Amino acid sequence: MKKLALVTAIPLLITALSLDQAQAVTFTETDDAGETLNTAQVIPRGTQTLTSISGILSGEADLFQIFLTGGQTFSATTINLDTLIELPTDDLLGFPSEILADPQLFLFDSLGKGVYANDDSSTSSQALLPSGGFSPAESGTYFLAISSFGYNPVSAGGMIFSNESADGIFSPTGSGGNSALIGFEGTSTTRGRYTIALTGVQTTAKSVPEPSSLFSVLVIGALATVSRYKDKRNNNRAISN
């Protein structure tokens, strides 16, 4: 499954970096996004492509109101070096401890009812709502949540998501799966920064990605790591020959 994350994440990053700045933007959490429908951070709808959302979790969940384009495939992937390249990142770069280690992603419709969710992408600890998993028939408002492992969404009827499929996707089949989100429950002390790469999301939000942003740092670091790995592999081949 890590290869699936690799295949999904790299095109997203290439797209995000290559699209014209006037047509594609990123969004950074302001203050602290809430974890209920009424306190979700609203990302304004519009015609520009939203390529990523970044923020910080401190043991809770962050919920964002987003606008999905009808007929376009939605996907969301939390980004770190492990999702970019199939290499042991800790050994190579001493993976930054401030990055959220084990996130979860959840998608809800405009009423707050669960659509689908993912804890991680099998062998990777990063969360993945894969391309092809959901395409809204019509454009509209949805809610995207991120939380750390063990902190899960609930409705008045109980847990919303259960029954993990073979590809790691959870359906809203929990005891509270037919009702709207009212909050999150569980115990989690995990803290850290995150970046979620997106497809199929539109906005009017304006942003100018800084070179020092987490998104850029991960891309630059990943490219450097790949280059270093290739050089090392080529050197090893030369020696063996």
Protein backbone atom coordinates (compact mmCIF):
# COMPACT_ATOMS: atom_id res chain seq x y z
CA MET A 1 0.00 0.00 0.00
CA LYS A 2 2.96 2.30 0.49
CA LYS A 3 3.45 2.17 -3.29
CA LEU A 4 -0.15 3.41 -3.66
CA ALA A 5 0.65 6.33 -1.38
CA LEU A 6 3.79 7.00 -3.41
CA VAL A 7 1.90 6.94 -6.70
CA THR A 8 -0.80 9.22 -5.32
CA ALA A 9 1.35 11.75 -3.46
CA ILE A 10 3.97 12.50 -6.10
CA PRO A 11 1.50 13.55 -8.84
CA LEU A 12 -0.29 15.74 -6.30
CA LEU A 13 2.96 17.47 -5.40
CA ILE A 14 4.02 17.92 -8.99
CA THR A 15 0.63 19.39 -9.80
CA ALA A 16 0.71 21.70 -6.79
CA LEU A 17 4.15 23.03 -7.65
CA SER A 18 3.56 23.42 -11.39
CA LEU A 19 0.12 25.05 -11.49
CA ASP A 20 -0.04 28.80 -11.95
CA GLN A 21 -0.11 30.64 -8.62
CA ALA A 22 -3.21 32.60 -9.64
CA GLN A 23 -5.16 29.38 -10.17
CA ALA A 24 -3.86 27.13 -7.40
CA VAL A 25 -3.44 28.00 -3.74
CA THR A 26 -2.66 26.42 -0.41
CA PHE A 27 -4.42 27.08 2.90
CA THR A 28 -2.90 27.32 6.36
CA GLU A 29 -5.00 26.90 9.49
CA THR A 30 -5.65 30.18 11.28
CA ASP A 31 -6.01 30.22 15.06
CA ASP A 32 -7.27 26.71 15.84
CA ALA A 33 -9.84 24.90 13.71
CA GLY A 34 -12.71 23.45 15.75
CA GLU A 35 -13.93 19.86 15.73
CA THR A 36 -17.70 20.36 15.38
CA LEU A 37 -19.76 21.48 12.38
CA ASN A 38 -20.39 24.87 13.97
CA THR A 39 -16.74 25.49 14.81
CA ALA A 40 -15.14 24.09 11.65
CA GLN A 41 -12.73 26.42 9.89
CA VAL A 42 -14.41 27.60 6.69
CA ILE A 43 -12.31 27.61 3.53
CA PRO A 44 -14.27 29.84 1.11
CA ARG A 45 -15.68 28.23 -2.02
CA GLY A 46 -14.54 29.50 -5.41
CA THR A 47 -12.95 28.67 -8.75
CA GLN A 48 -9.30 28.31 -7.73
CA THR A 49 -7.74 24.91 -7.08
CA LEU A 50 -6.93 24.20 -3.44
CA THR A 51 -3.86 21.96 -3.44
CA SER A 52 -3.20 21.56 0.30
CA ILE A 53 -4.20 22.39 3.87
CA SER A 54 -1.58 22.78 6.61
CA GLY A 55 -1.95 23.13 10.36
CA ILE A 56 -1.01 21.92 13.83
CA LEU A 57 -2.73 19.31 16.00
CA SER A 58 -2.37 19.41 19.77
CA GLY A 59 -4.19 16.27 20.84
CA GLU A 60 -7.52 17.16 19.28
CA ALA A 61 -9.09 17.17 15.80
CA ASP A 62 -9.17 19.89 13.13
CA LEU A 63 -12.29 20.17 10.97
CA PHE A 64 -12.40 22.18 7.73
CA GLN A 65 -15.41 23.13 5.62
CA ILE A 66 -14.39 22.65 1.99
CA PHE A 67 -16.05 22.93 -1.41
CA LEU A 68 -15.83 19.90 -3.74
CA THR A 69 -16.29 20.11 -7.49
CA GLY A 70 -19.00 17.93 -8.99
CA GLY A 71 -17.71 15.22 -11.30
CA GLN A 72 -14.12 15.61 -10.15
CA THR A 73 -12.32 13.00 -8.11
CA PHE A 74 -11.61 13.97 -4.53
CA SER A 75 -8.51 12.75 -2.73
CA ALA A 76 -6.65 13.71 0.45
CA THR A 77 -3.19 12.53 1.49
CA THR A 78 -1.19 13.55 4.54
CA ILE A 79 2.34 14.32 3.42
CA ASN A 80 5.67 13.39 4.90
CA LEU A 81 8.82 11.91 3.42
CA ASP A 82 7.52 8.40 4.01
CA THR A 83 4.65 9.02 1.56
CA LEU A 84 6.95 10.59 -1.02
CA ILE A 85 9.66 7.98 -1.28
CA GLU A 86 9.80 4.33 -0.32
CA LEU A 87 12.85 4.71 1.92
CA PRO A 88 13.47 4.50 5.71
CA THR A 89 13.21 8.21 6.39
CA ASP A 90 14.37 8.05 10.00
CA ASP A 91 17.69 6.51 8.97
CA LEU A 92 18.28 8.94 6.14
CA LEU A 93 17.20 12.29 7.49
CA GLY A 94 16.30 11.94 11.16
CA PHE A 95 12.64 12.60 10.40
CA PRO A 96 11.45 15.84 12.09
CA SER A 97 9.68 15.04 15.35
CA GLU A 98 7.34 18.01 15.02
CA ILE A 99 5.46 16.36 12.13
CA LEU A 100 2.28 14.50 13.18
CA ALA A 101 3.28 10.84 13.33
CA ASP A 102 0.02 8.91 12.86
CA PRO A 103 -2.86 11.00 11.50
CA GLN A 104 -6.38 9.98 10.50
CA LEU A 105 -8.57 11.59 7.79
CA PHE A 106 -12.39 11.74 7.69
CA LEU A 107 -14.76 13.13 5.06
CA PHE A 108 -18.33 14.22 5.87
CA ASP A 109 -21.11 15.58 3.67
CA SER A 110 -22.81 18.96 4.07
CA LEU A 111 -25.03 17.61 6.86
CA GLY A 112 -22.08 16.16 8.76
CA LYS A 113 -22.79 12.53 7.85
CA GLY A 114 -19.79 10.31 7.25
CA VAL A 115 -18.63 9.55 3.70
CA TYR A 116 -15.40 7.60 4.26
CA ALA A 117 -12.24 7.64 6.37
CA ASN A 118 -8.70 6.26 6.64
CA ASP A 119 -6.32 5.68 9.55
CA ASP A 120 -3.24 4.90 7.51
CA SER A 121 -2.18 3.45 4.17
CA SER A 122 -1.29 -0.05 5.38
CA THR A 123 2.52 -0.05 5.66
CA SER A 124 2.69 3.74 5.92
CA SER A 125 1.58 5.63 9.04
CA GLN A 126 0.23 8.47 6.92
CA ALA A 127 -3.47 8.77 6.10
CA LEU A 128 -4.82 8.42 2.58
CA LEU A 129 -8.30 9.00 1.13
CA PRO A 130 -7.34 7.71 -2.30
CA SER A 131 -8.12 9.11 -5.72
CA GLY A 132 -11.06 7.20 -7.14
CA GLY A 133 -12.63 6.59 -3.77
CA PHE A 134 -15.18 9.41 -4.02
CA SER A 135 -16.45 11.74 -6.74
CA PRO A 136 -19.42 13.95 -5.85
CA ALA A 137 -22.16 14.01 -8.48
CA GLU A 138 -22.76 17.72 -7.82
CA SER A 139 -20.58 20.49 -6.44
CA GLY A 140 -21.16 21.30 -2.80
CA THR A 141 -20.00 21.72 0.76
CA TYR A 142 -18.20 18.94 2.64
CA PHE A 143 -16.20 18.68 5.84
CA LEU A 144 -12.68 17.26 6.05
CA ALA A 145 -11.27 16.31 9.45
CA ILE A 146 -7.83 15.27 10.61
CA SER A 147 -7.06 13.77 14.01
CA SER A 148 -4.37 11.66 15.60
CA PHE A 149 -4.83 7.94 16.17
CA GLY A 150 -7.37 7.07 18.88
CA TYR A 151 -9.41 10.26 18.60
CA ASN A 152 -12.50 9.44 16.52
CA PRO A 153 -15.69 11.16 15.27
CA VAL A 154 -19.01 10.40 16.91
CA SER A 155 -22.68 11.24 16.39
CA ALA A 156 -25.58 11.10 18.82
CA GLY A 157 -25.75 7.37 18.08
CA GLY A 158 -22.10 6.60 18.77
CA MET A 159 -19.04 5.90 16.62
CA ILE A 160 -19.52 6.91 12.98
CA PHE A 161 -16.90 4.82 11.18
CA SER A 162 -16.17 1.10 11.42
CA ASN A 163 -15.54 -2.01 9.28
CA GLU A 164 -12.19 -1.31 7.69
CA SER A 165 -11.90 -2.65 4.13
CA ALA A 166 -8.90 -4.38 2.59
CA ASP A 167 -7.56 -1.06 1.27
CA GLY A 168 -7.69 0.55 4.71
CA ILE A 169 -10.84 2.60 4.07
CA PHE A 170 -13.51 2.90 6.78
CA SER A 171 -17.21 3.26 5.92
CA PRO A 172 -19.82 5.06 8.08
CA THR A 173 -21.15 1.76 9.40
CA GLY A 174 -20.66 2.36 13.11
CA SER A 175 -23.52 2.54 15.56
CA GLY A 176 -23.77 6.27 14.85
CA GLY A 177 -23.10 6.05 11.13
CA ASN A 178 -26.55 7.27 10.08
CA SER A 179 -26.36 10.48 12.10
CA ALA A 180 -24.44 13.75 11.83
CA LEU A 181 -21.11 14.48 13.49
CA ILE A 182 -21.34 16.08 16.92
CA GLY A 183 -17.68 15.86 17.94
CA PHE A 184 -14.77 13.53 18.63
CA GLU A 185 -14.07 11.12 21.46
CA GLY A 186 -11.07 9.16 22.62
CA THR A 187 -7.67 9.67 24.14
CA SER A 188 -4.75 11.06 22.19
CA THR A 189 -1.77 13.11 23.30
CA THR A 190 -0.13 13.10 19.87
CA ARG A 191 0.84 16.54 18.68
CA GLY A 192 2.44 17.82 15.51
CA ARG A 193 2.28 19.66 12.22
CA TYR A 194 0.53 18.30 9.16
CA THR A 195 0.01 19.02 5.47
CA ILE A 196 -2.84 17.43 3.51
CA ALA A 197 -2.46 17.30 -0.30
CA LEU A 198 -5.81 17.58 -2.08
CA THR A 199 -7.53 17.08 -5.42
CA GLY A 200 -11.06 18.06 -6.44
CA VAL A 201 -11.32 21.02 -4.00
CA GLN A 202 -11.99 24.64 -5.03
CA THR A 203 -11.68 27.91 -3.12
CA THR A 204 -11.34 31.68 -3.26
CA ALA A 205 -8.86 31.65 -0.39
CA LYS A 206 -5.66 33.49 -1.16
CA SER A 207 -2.28 32.22 -0.09
CA VAL A 208 1.34 32.68 -1.02
CA PRO A 209 3.28 29.56 -0.04
CA GLU A 210 6.45 30.49 1.78
CA PRO A 211 9.71 28.67 0.91
CA SER A 212 9.99 27.74 4.59
CA SER A 213 6.53 26.16 4.72
CA LEU A 214 6.21 22.53 5.68
CA PHE A 215 4.96 21.65 2.24
CA SER A 216 7.98 23.13 0.49
CA VAL A 217 10.42 21.73 3.03
CA LEU A 218 9.05 18.22 2.50
CA VAL A 219 9.27 18.49 -1.27
CA ILE A 220 12.80 19.87 -1.24
CA GLY A 221 13.89 17.35 1.38
CA ALA A 222 12.35 14.49 -0.55
CA LEU A 223 14.07 15.48 -3.78
CA ALA A 224 17.39 15.79 -1.97
CA THR A 225 16.90 12.40 -0.38
CA VAL A 226 16.05 10.77 -3.69
CA SER A 227 19.13 12.32 -5.27
CA ARG A 228 21.30 11.15 -2.38
CA TYR A 229 19.84 7.66 -2.54
CA LYS A 230 20.38 7.41 -6.30
CA ASP A 231 24.00 8.56 -5.95
CA LYS A 232 24.62 6.00 -3.23
CA ARG A 233 22.96 3.25 -5.25
CA ASN A 234 24.98 4.12 -8.35
CA ASN A 235 28.20 4.15 -6.31
CA ASN A 236 27.37 0.73 -4.87
CA ARG A 237 26.72 -0.63 -8.34
CA ALA A 238 30.00 0.79 -9.60
CA ILE A 239 31.88 -0.84 -6.73
CA SER A 240 30.17 -4.20 -7.25
CA ASN A 241 31.01 -4.12 -10.93
